[in-house]
Amino acid sequence: MSESKPVDVLFLSQEEAIEAGLLDMESCVDTMEYVFELYNEGRVLMGNPGHNMHGHVTSFPGNLSHSEGFEEGPDRRFSAMPAYVGGDIHKMGIKWYGSNVNNPSKRGLPRSLHTIVLNDPNSGEPLLFMDGQVASAMRTGAMAGLGARQIQGDRASTATIIGPGVVGQTSALALDAALGSLETVRIYHPEQRKAEAFETEMEDDIDADIAPTSSLEDAVSGADVTVAAATAAPPPKIEGSWLKDDSLVIPLGDLRASLDAFDEDRIFCDVRQNTLEFAEDLGWQIFNAVGAAVDYSIGLDLDRSDLRALHEVVGGEGTAPTEGTSIFYSPGLPMEDVSWTSRVYETAADEGLGQSLRMFSEPYFSKPY
């Protein structure tokens, strides 16, 4: 039996993680592309069954017999999202978060509160503990950038962001980083001042011109890429007649849109089972639409295999044309969080950032022989 050693974990504050490159959107988009290549090669594990799931979700108040003190409403849930990512990342990790849509107005807190832990995949030893707010926002936006790069590519010169919040901001950063042809980002909010506040906040961070508008039709009509990043209820509604024949819609928030507005062979997703899991459990109207198409042939008559998976496109297996009226479902996967925070961890460790915290010098309980 080898001699026991102490177990230390690196704690990174949000500020230290940012110093370690957490806000490098170009690198984040490239990392998302890399992890989808790894997934396509069979070098990623996520939750059971099938090792491809978003995670375990516990919704409140659920079927509690005593639910006093628990609010009902959208985004009232906790989720544990584990993943192993191979390649040169080679880390096990988990994102754990609680979400309550009333947090900003009632508590002065973000809607979702995230923590991320990385572990050595062989020993199980914890390596990193960090806040996951910024990391989660970055990888969510980065997926819009990756989807737009893979599906629209250099055909995209105009993008629309529906919603100027956090995910709207990171989506704009990602589209600007991923699309070399991008010239204009339209930002929509029904209150013009909020769209204009987005322009003031973001104009120094992206190269594309920013065009604020309070007209949803003006925002979407003629856009090459439209990202729905709004969280308000009811969700925004877009008409199929507004969409260009060659355009892409990415719902990162809920959206009302008829699925028959899109070409039946241009329904993209990150991982098929992940999208269909969300269609069954999340309750978003735009996900209900794809679930209804697969399960009941409503809107479109789709088989599960008709969904075009991004990992196959990235991996070179999905070679069918991408021109057309498309939608890309990317509800989020734990491999994205693990891969991006692993890159940040590597930089932090190299540069001596963060605080090393000792969990124990030697285990209190051990076998007495």
Protein backbone atom coordinates (compact mmCIF):
# COMPACT_ATOMS: atom_id res chain seq x y z
CA MET A 1 0.00 0.00 0.00
CA SER A 2 1.47 3.37 -1.03
CA GLU A 3 1.92 6.16 1.48
CA SER A 4 -1.09 8.47 1.69
CA LYS A 5 -0.70 11.97 0.34
CA PRO A 6 -2.60 15.16 1.08
CA VAL A 7 -5.43 16.23 -1.20
CA ASP A 8 -5.43 19.85 -2.32
CA VAL A 9 -7.92 21.55 -4.59
CA LEU A 10 -7.41 24.79 -6.52
CA PHE A 11 -10.05 27.41 -5.79
CA LEU A 12 -10.49 30.00 -8.52
CA SER A 13 -12.49 33.12 -7.86
CA GLN A 14 -14.42 34.59 -10.76
CA GLU A 15 -11.84 37.36 -11.05
CA GLU A 16 -8.93 34.90 -11.12
CA ALA A 17 -10.68 32.74 -13.72
CA ILE A 18 -11.13 35.81 -15.91
CA GLU A 19 -7.42 36.55 -15.51
CA ALA A 20 -6.78 32.97 -16.68
CA GLY A 21 -8.61 33.59 -19.97
CA LEU A 22 -12.22 32.78 -19.12
CA LEU A 23 -13.46 35.61 -21.39
CA ASP A 24 -11.44 34.60 -24.45
CA MET A 25 -14.40 33.92 -26.75
CA GLU A 26 -12.38 32.93 -29.80
CA SER A 27 -10.65 30.24 -27.75
CA CYS A 28 -13.98 29.18 -26.24
CA VAL A 29 -15.57 28.65 -29.66
CA ASP A 30 -12.54 26.66 -30.78
CA THR A 31 -12.74 24.57 -27.61
CA MET A 32 -16.42 23.82 -28.27
CA GLU A 33 -15.48 22.66 -31.77
CA TYR A 34 -12.76 20.43 -30.32
CA VAL A 35 -15.05 18.81 -27.74
CA PHE A 36 -17.62 18.01 -30.45
CA GLU A 37 -14.85 16.37 -32.46
CA LEU A 38 -13.98 14.31 -29.38
CA TYR A 39 -17.62 13.38 -28.86
CA ASN A 40 -17.88 12.22 -32.46
CA GLU A 41 -14.79 10.06 -31.92
CA GLY A 42 -16.36 8.41 -28.87
CA ARG A 43 -14.01 10.11 -26.40
CA VAL A 44 -16.63 11.76 -24.20
CA LEU A 45 -18.92 10.32 -21.53
CA MET A 46 -21.93 12.06 -20.04
CA GLY A 47 -24.88 10.96 -17.93
CA ASN A 48 -26.70 7.66 -18.22
CA PRO A 49 -28.55 6.20 -19.96
CA GLY A 50 -26.52 6.32 -23.12
CA HIS A 51 -23.77 8.58 -21.73
CA ASN A 52 -25.09 11.50 -23.75
CA MET A 53 -27.53 13.27 -21.46
CA HIS A 54 -27.67 16.83 -20.16
CA GLY A 55 -27.80 15.70 -16.56
CA HIS A 56 -30.06 14.92 -13.63
CA VAL A 57 -32.74 17.56 -13.08
CA THR A 58 -34.78 18.02 -9.91
CA SER A 59 -37.69 20.44 -10.39
CA PHE A 60 -39.49 22.28 -7.61
CA PRO A 61 -41.96 21.99 -6.02
CA GLY A 62 -42.48 18.70 -7.89
CA ASN A 63 -44.62 16.24 -5.96
CA LEU A 64 -43.56 17.34 -2.48
CA SER A 65 -46.33 16.78 0.05
CA HIS A 66 -45.24 19.94 1.87
CA SER A 67 -44.13 22.59 -0.60
CA GLU A 68 -44.44 25.67 1.60
CA GLY A 69 -41.72 28.18 0.81
CA PHE A 70 -41.02 26.81 -2.68
CA GLU A 71 -42.01 29.01 -5.59
CA GLU A 72 -43.54 27.58 -8.71
CA GLY A 73 -42.75 28.88 -12.14
CA PRO A 74 -40.28 28.52 -14.99
CA ASP A 75 -36.65 27.62 -14.32
CA ARG A 76 -37.31 26.39 -10.78
CA ARG A 77 -34.89 23.52 -10.77
CA PHE A 78 -31.55 22.07 -9.73
CA SER A 79 -29.38 20.17 -12.15
CA ALA A 80 -26.24 18.04 -11.84
CA MET A 81 -24.32 17.79 -15.11
CA PRO A 82 -21.39 15.30 -15.12
CA ALA A 83 -19.02 14.60 -18.01
CA TYR A 84 -15.69 13.04 -18.84
CA VAL A 85 -13.82 14.66 -21.74
CA GLY A 86 -10.84 12.85 -23.25
CA GLY A 87 -8.18 13.98 -25.68
CA ASP A 88 -5.64 16.38 -24.22
CA ILE A 89 -8.31 17.62 -21.79
CA HIS A 90 -8.66 14.28 -19.96
CA LYS A 91 -10.79 15.55 -17.08
CA MET A 92 -13.89 14.45 -15.24
CA GLY A 93 -16.11 17.24 -14.01
CA ILE A 94 -19.54 18.34 -12.96
CA LYS A 95 -21.54 21.53 -13.14
CA TRP A 96 -24.09 21.89 -10.35
CA TYR A 97 -26.63 24.66 -10.47
CA GLY A 98 -29.85 25.92 -9.02
CA SER A 99 -32.18 28.12 -11.04
CA ASN A 100 -35.04 30.43 -10.07
CA VAL A 101 -36.34 32.98 -12.55
CA ASN A 102 -37.36 35.26 -9.66
CA ASN A 103 -33.81 35.61 -8.30
CA PRO A 104 -32.92 38.90 -10.04
CA SER A 105 -36.08 40.74 -8.98
CA LYS A 106 -36.50 39.26 -5.49
CA ARG A 107 -32.99 38.47 -4.27
CA GLY A 108 -30.53 40.49 -6.31
CA LEU A 109 -29.00 37.21 -7.56
CA PRO A 110 -28.51 35.76 -11.05
CA ARG A 111 -31.31 33.53 -12.30
CA SER A 112 -28.99 30.51 -12.16
CA LEU A 113 -26.13 29.95 -9.72
CA HIS A 114 -23.43 27.55 -10.91
CA THR A 115 -20.42 25.82 -9.40
CA ILE A 116 -17.98 23.62 -11.31
CA VAL A 117 -15.69 20.89 -9.97
CA LEU A 118 -13.00 19.14 -12.02
CA ASN A 119 -11.52 15.79 -10.98
CA ASP A 120 -8.69 13.53 -12.01
CA PRO A 121 -10.53 10.81 -13.99
CA ASN A 122 -8.30 8.02 -12.68
CA SER A 123 -8.03 8.72 -8.97
CA GLY A 124 -11.17 10.80 -8.51
CA GLU A 125 -9.04 13.46 -6.80
CA PRO A 126 -10.69 16.91 -6.97
CA LEU A 127 -8.53 19.40 -8.87
CA LEU A 128 -10.57 22.58 -9.24
CA PHE A 129 -13.50 24.32 -7.60
CA MET A 130 -14.77 27.47 -9.27
CA ASP A 131 -17.77 29.66 -9.86
CA GLY A 132 -19.55 28.61 -13.03
CA GLN A 133 -21.56 31.74 -13.87
CA VAL A 134 -19.25 33.22 -16.47
CA ALA A 135 -18.10 29.84 -17.80
CA SER A 136 -21.67 28.73 -18.40
CA ALA A 137 -22.59 31.99 -20.14
CA MET A 138 -19.46 31.80 -22.29
CA ARG A 139 -19.97 28.25 -23.50
CA THR A 140 -23.68 28.91 -24.15
CA GLY A 141 -22.85 31.87 -26.38
CA ALA A 142 -19.95 29.97 -27.93
CA MET A 143 -22.33 27.25 -29.09
CA ALA A 144 -24.28 29.86 -31.05
CA GLY A 145 -21.00 30.88 -32.67
CA LEU A 146 -20.02 27.30 -33.44
CA GLY A 147 -23.45 26.44 -34.86
CA ALA A 148 -23.41 29.55 -37.05
CA ARG A 149 -19.87 28.80 -38.24
CA GLN A 150 -20.70 25.21 -39.17
CA ILE A 151 -24.13 25.83 -40.73
CA GLN A 152 -23.97 29.33 -42.25
CA GLY A 153 -20.25 30.04 -42.32
CA ASP A 154 -19.13 32.83 -44.67
CA ARG A 155 -22.66 33.20 -46.05
CA ALA A 156 -23.58 35.12 -42.87
CA SER A 157 -23.17 38.88 -42.86
CA THR A 158 -26.13 39.90 -40.66
CA ALA A 159 -27.04 38.39 -37.29
CA THR A 160 -29.92 39.12 -34.94
CA ILE A 161 -29.94 38.71 -31.17
CA ILE A 162 -33.37 38.54 -29.54
CA GLY A 163 -32.74 39.68 -25.98
CA PRO A 164 -29.90 41.91 -24.73
CA GLY A 165 -29.21 39.97 -21.52
CA VAL A 166 -26.19 37.89 -20.54
CA VAL A 167 -26.67 35.14 -23.13
CA GLY A 168 -27.42 37.79 -25.74
CA GLN A 169 -24.10 39.43 -24.93
CA THR A 170 -22.05 36.22 -25.09
CA SER A 171 -23.85 35.17 -28.28
CA ALA A 172 -22.87 38.47 -29.91
CA LEU A 173 -19.25 37.96 -28.83
CA ALA A 174 -19.30 34.41 -30.22
CA LEU A 175 -20.89 35.29 -33.56
CA ASP A 176 -18.38 38.10 -33.98
CA ALA A 177 -15.49 35.73 -33.18
CA ALA A 178 -16.75 32.81 -35.29
CA LEU A 179 -18.00 34.57 -38.43
CA GLY A 180 -15.34 36.40 -40.37
CA SER A 181 -18.00 37.67 -42.78
CA LEU A 182 -20.20 39.23 -40.10
CA GLU A 183 -20.91 42.93 -40.70
CA THR A 184 -23.98 43.77 -38.59
CA VAL A 185 -25.53 42.55 -35.34
CA ARG A 186 -29.13 43.59 -34.82
CA ILE A 187 -30.24 43.60 -31.20
CA TYR A 188 -33.94 43.42 -30.35
CA HIS A 189 -35.83 44.33 -27.22
CA PRO A 190 -39.42 45.65 -27.12
CA GLU A 191 -38.08 48.57 -25.11
CA GLN A 192 -35.76 50.47 -27.43
CA ARG A 193 -33.69 51.85 -24.55
CA LYS A 194 -32.64 48.33 -23.52
CA ALA A 195 -31.52 47.51 -27.04
CA GLU A 196 -29.58 50.78 -27.08
CA ALA A 197 -28.02 49.96 -23.70
CA PHE A 198 -26.72 46.74 -25.27
CA GLU A 199 -25.06 48.79 -28.01
CA THR A 200 -23.38 51.05 -25.46
CA GLU A 201 -22.18 48.06 -23.45
CA MET A 202 -20.89 45.97 -26.36
CA GLU A 203 -19.71 48.37 -29.05
CA ASP A 204 -16.06 48.24 -27.91
CA ASP A 205 -16.05 44.43 -27.68
CA ILE A 206 -17.23 43.38 -31.12
CA ASP A 207 -16.10 44.48 -34.59
CA ALA A 208 -19.50 44.22 -36.28
CA ASP A 209 -21.83 47.21 -36.33
CA ILE A 210 -24.65 47.07 -33.76
CA ALA A 211 -28.18 48.06 -34.80
CA PRO A 212 -30.68 48.32 -31.90
CA THR A 213 -34.39 47.92 -32.68
CA SER A 214 -37.71 47.53 -30.88
CA SER A 215 -39.34 45.82 -33.88
CA LEU A 216 -39.01 42.05 -33.85
CA GLU A 217 -40.00 41.78 -37.51
CA ASP A 218 -37.36 44.32 -38.53
CA ALA A 219 -34.79 42.46 -36.44
CA VAL A 220 -35.45 39.03 -37.93
CA SER A 221 -36.35 39.87 -41.56
CA GLY A 222 -33.39 39.30 -43.84
CA ALA A 223 -31.04 38.12 -41.06
CA ASP A 224 -28.66 35.28 -41.87
CA VAL A 225 -28.53 34.10 -38.25
CA THR A 226 -31.08 34.74 -35.49
CA VAL A 227 -30.31 33.82 -31.88
CA ALA A 228 -33.22 33.75 -29.42
CA ALA A 229 -31.74 34.64 -26.03
CA ALA A 230 -34.80 36.08 -24.29
CA THR A 231 -36.09 34.75 -20.95
CA ALA A 232 -39.35 36.68 -20.63
CA ALA A 233 -42.77 35.01 -20.69
CA PRO A 234 -44.47 34.70 -23.07
CA PRO A 235 -41.55 33.91 -25.37
CA PRO A 236 -41.11 36.02 -28.52
CA LYS A 237 -42.88 34.85 -31.66
CA ILE A 238 -41.37 34.91 -35.14
CA GLU A 239 -43.23 34.27 -38.38
CA GLY A 240 -41.87 31.96 -41.03
CA SER A 241 -42.42 34.65 -43.66
CA TRP A 242 -39.76 36.78 -41.97
CA LEU A 243 -37.03 34.20 -42.53
CA LYS A 244 -34.70 34.22 -45.53
CA ASP A 245 -34.59 31.08 -47.66
CA ASP A 246 -31.00 30.62 -46.48
CA SER A 247 -30.95 31.46 -42.77
CA LEU A 248 -30.44 29.91 -39.36
CA VAL A 249 -32.38 30.25 -36.10
CA ILE A 250 -30.72 29.23 -32.81
CA PRO A 251 -33.05 29.06 -29.77
CA LEU A 252 -30.94 29.53 -26.64
CA GLY A 253 -34.10 30.76 -24.92
CA ASP A 254 -37.71 29.84 -25.59
CA LEU A 255 -39.29 30.91 -28.84
CA ARG A 256 -42.62 30.59 -30.59
CA ALA A 257 -42.08 29.51 -34.18
CA SER A 258 -43.82 26.94 -36.35
CA LEU A 259 -41.46 24.10 -37.20
CA ASP A 260 -42.81 23.98 -40.76
CA ALA A 261 -41.09 27.34 -41.27
CA PHE A 262 -37.86 25.33 -41.56
CA ASP A 263 -36.72 22.85 -44.18
CA GLU A 264 -37.31 19.33 -42.91
CA ASP A 265 -33.74 18.33 -43.77
CA ARG A 266 -32.29 21.39 -41.97
CA ILE A 267 -33.22 20.57 -38.37
CA PHE A 268 -29.89 20.56 -36.51
CA CYS A 269 -29.14 19.64 -32.91
CA ASP A 270 -26.07 19.22 -30.73
CA VAL A 271 -26.71 15.57 -29.78
CA ARG A 272 -30.00 13.96 -30.80
CA GLN A 273 -30.88 12.43 -27.44
CA ASN A 274 -30.05 15.64 -25.58
CA THR A 275 -32.45 17.70 -27.70
CA LEU A 276 -35.24 15.13 -27.40
CA GLU A 277 -34.69 14.89 -23.63
CA PHE A 278 -35.23 18.64 -23.40
CA ALA A 279 -38.28 18.38 -25.67
CA GLU A 280 -39.78 15.95 -23.18
CA ASP A 281 -38.85 17.68 -19.93
CA LEU A 282 -38.12 21.38 -20.39
CA GLY A 283 -41.52 22.71 -21.45
CA TRP A 284 -40.18 25.32 -23.88
CA GLN A 285 -42.51 25.77 -26.83
CA ILE A 286 -39.73 25.63 -29.42
CA PHE A 287 -38.53 22.29 -28.00
CA ASN A 288 -42.09 21.00 -27.77
CA ALA A 289 -42.31 21.60 -31.53
CA VAL A 290 -39.40 19.29 -32.38
CA GLY A 291 -40.64 16.68 -29.91
CA ALA A 292 -44.10 16.77 -31.51
CA ALA A 293 -42.53 16.42 -34.98
CA VAL A 294 -40.53 13.33 -33.97
CA ASP A 295 -43.18 11.67 -31.81
CA TYR A 296 -46.41 12.61 -33.59
CA SER A 297 -45.43 14.02 -37.03
CA ILE A 298 -46.90 17.40 -36.08
CA GLY A 299 -45.52 20.41 -37.95
CA LEU A 300 -43.01 18.22 -39.74
CA ASP A 301 -42.84 14.45 -40.14
CA LEU A 302 -39.44 13.65 -38.63
CA ASP A 303 -37.72 10.49 -37.51
CA ARG A 304 -35.07 10.76 -34.82
CA SER A 305 -32.45 10.05 -37.49
CA ASP A 306 -33.66 13.06 -39.50
CA LEU A 307 -32.20 15.39 -36.87
CA ARG A 308 -28.77 16.44 -38.07
CA ALA A 309 -26.27 16.26 -35.23
CA LEU A 310 -23.62 18.97 -34.94
CA HIS A 311 -20.99 16.50 -33.77
CA GLU A 312 -21.35 14.68 -37.10
CA VAL A 313 -21.01 17.93 -39.02
CA VAL A 314 -17.92 18.92 -37.03
CA GLY A 315 -16.50 15.40 -37.35
CA GLY A 316 -16.90 15.35 -41.13
CA GLU A 317 -19.61 12.67 -41.22
CA GLY A 318 -22.50 15.05 -41.83
CA THR A 319 -21.61 16.24 -45.32
CA ALA A 320 -25.09 17.11 -46.65
CA PRO A 321 -25.56 20.75 -47.74
CA THR A 322 -26.35 23.27 -45.02
CA GLU A 323 -27.96 25.95 -47.21
CA GLY A 324 -31.64 26.41 -46.43
CA THR A 325 -33.98 27.61 -43.71
CA SER A 326 -32.45 25.96 -40.66
CA ILE A 327 -32.87 25.68 -36.92
CA PHE A 328 -30.15 24.54 -34.51
CA TYR A 329 -31.07 23.22 -31.07
CA SER A 330 -28.31 23.58 -28.48
CA PRO A 331 -29.80 23.24 -24.98
CA GLY A 332 -26.42 22.66 -23.34
CA LEU A 333 -24.18 19.71 -22.51
CA PRO A 334 -21.85 19.18 -19.53
CA MET A 335 -18.95 18.32 -21.84
CA GLU A 336 -18.98 21.98 -22.86
CA ASP A 337 -18.54 23.18 -19.29
CA VAL A 338 -15.85 20.62 -18.50
CA SER A 339 -13.82 21.33 -21.63
CA TRP A 340 -13.85 25.12 -21.28
CA THR A 341 -13.11 25.22 -17.54
CA SER A 342 -10.34 22.68 -18.08
CA ARG A 343 -8.62 25.12 -20.44
CA VAL A 344 -9.00 27.87 -17.83
CA TYR A 345 -7.67 25.53 -15.11
CA GLU A 346 -4.58 24.70 -17.18
CA THR A 347 -3.78 28.39 -17.65
CA ALA A 348 -4.43 29.20 -13.99
CA ALA A 349 -2.15 26.37 -12.86
CA ASP A 350 0.61 27.47 -15.25
CA GLU A 351 0.39 31.10 -14.11
CA GLY A 352 0.03 30.40 -10.39
CA LEU A 353 -3.47 31.85 -10.13
CA GLY A 354 -6.00 30.84 -7.50
CA GLN A 355 -5.74 29.53 -3.98
CA SER A 356 -4.76 25.99 -3.07
CA LEU A 357 -7.08 24.65 -0.37
CA ARG A 358 -6.28 21.50 1.57
CA MET A 359 -9.16 19.07 1.95
CA PHE A 360 -7.18 16.73 4.20
CA SER A 361 -3.56 15.86 4.97
CA GLU A 362 -4.39 12.19 5.39
CA PRO A 363 -7.72 10.35 5.43
CA TYR A 364 -9.28 10.16 8.86
CA PHE A 365 -10.71 6.71 8.20
CA SER A 366 -8.64 4.01 6.52
CA LYS A 367 -8.32 0.26 6.68
CA PRO A 368 -6.49 -0.81 9.84
CA TYR A 369 -4.39 -3.35 7.99
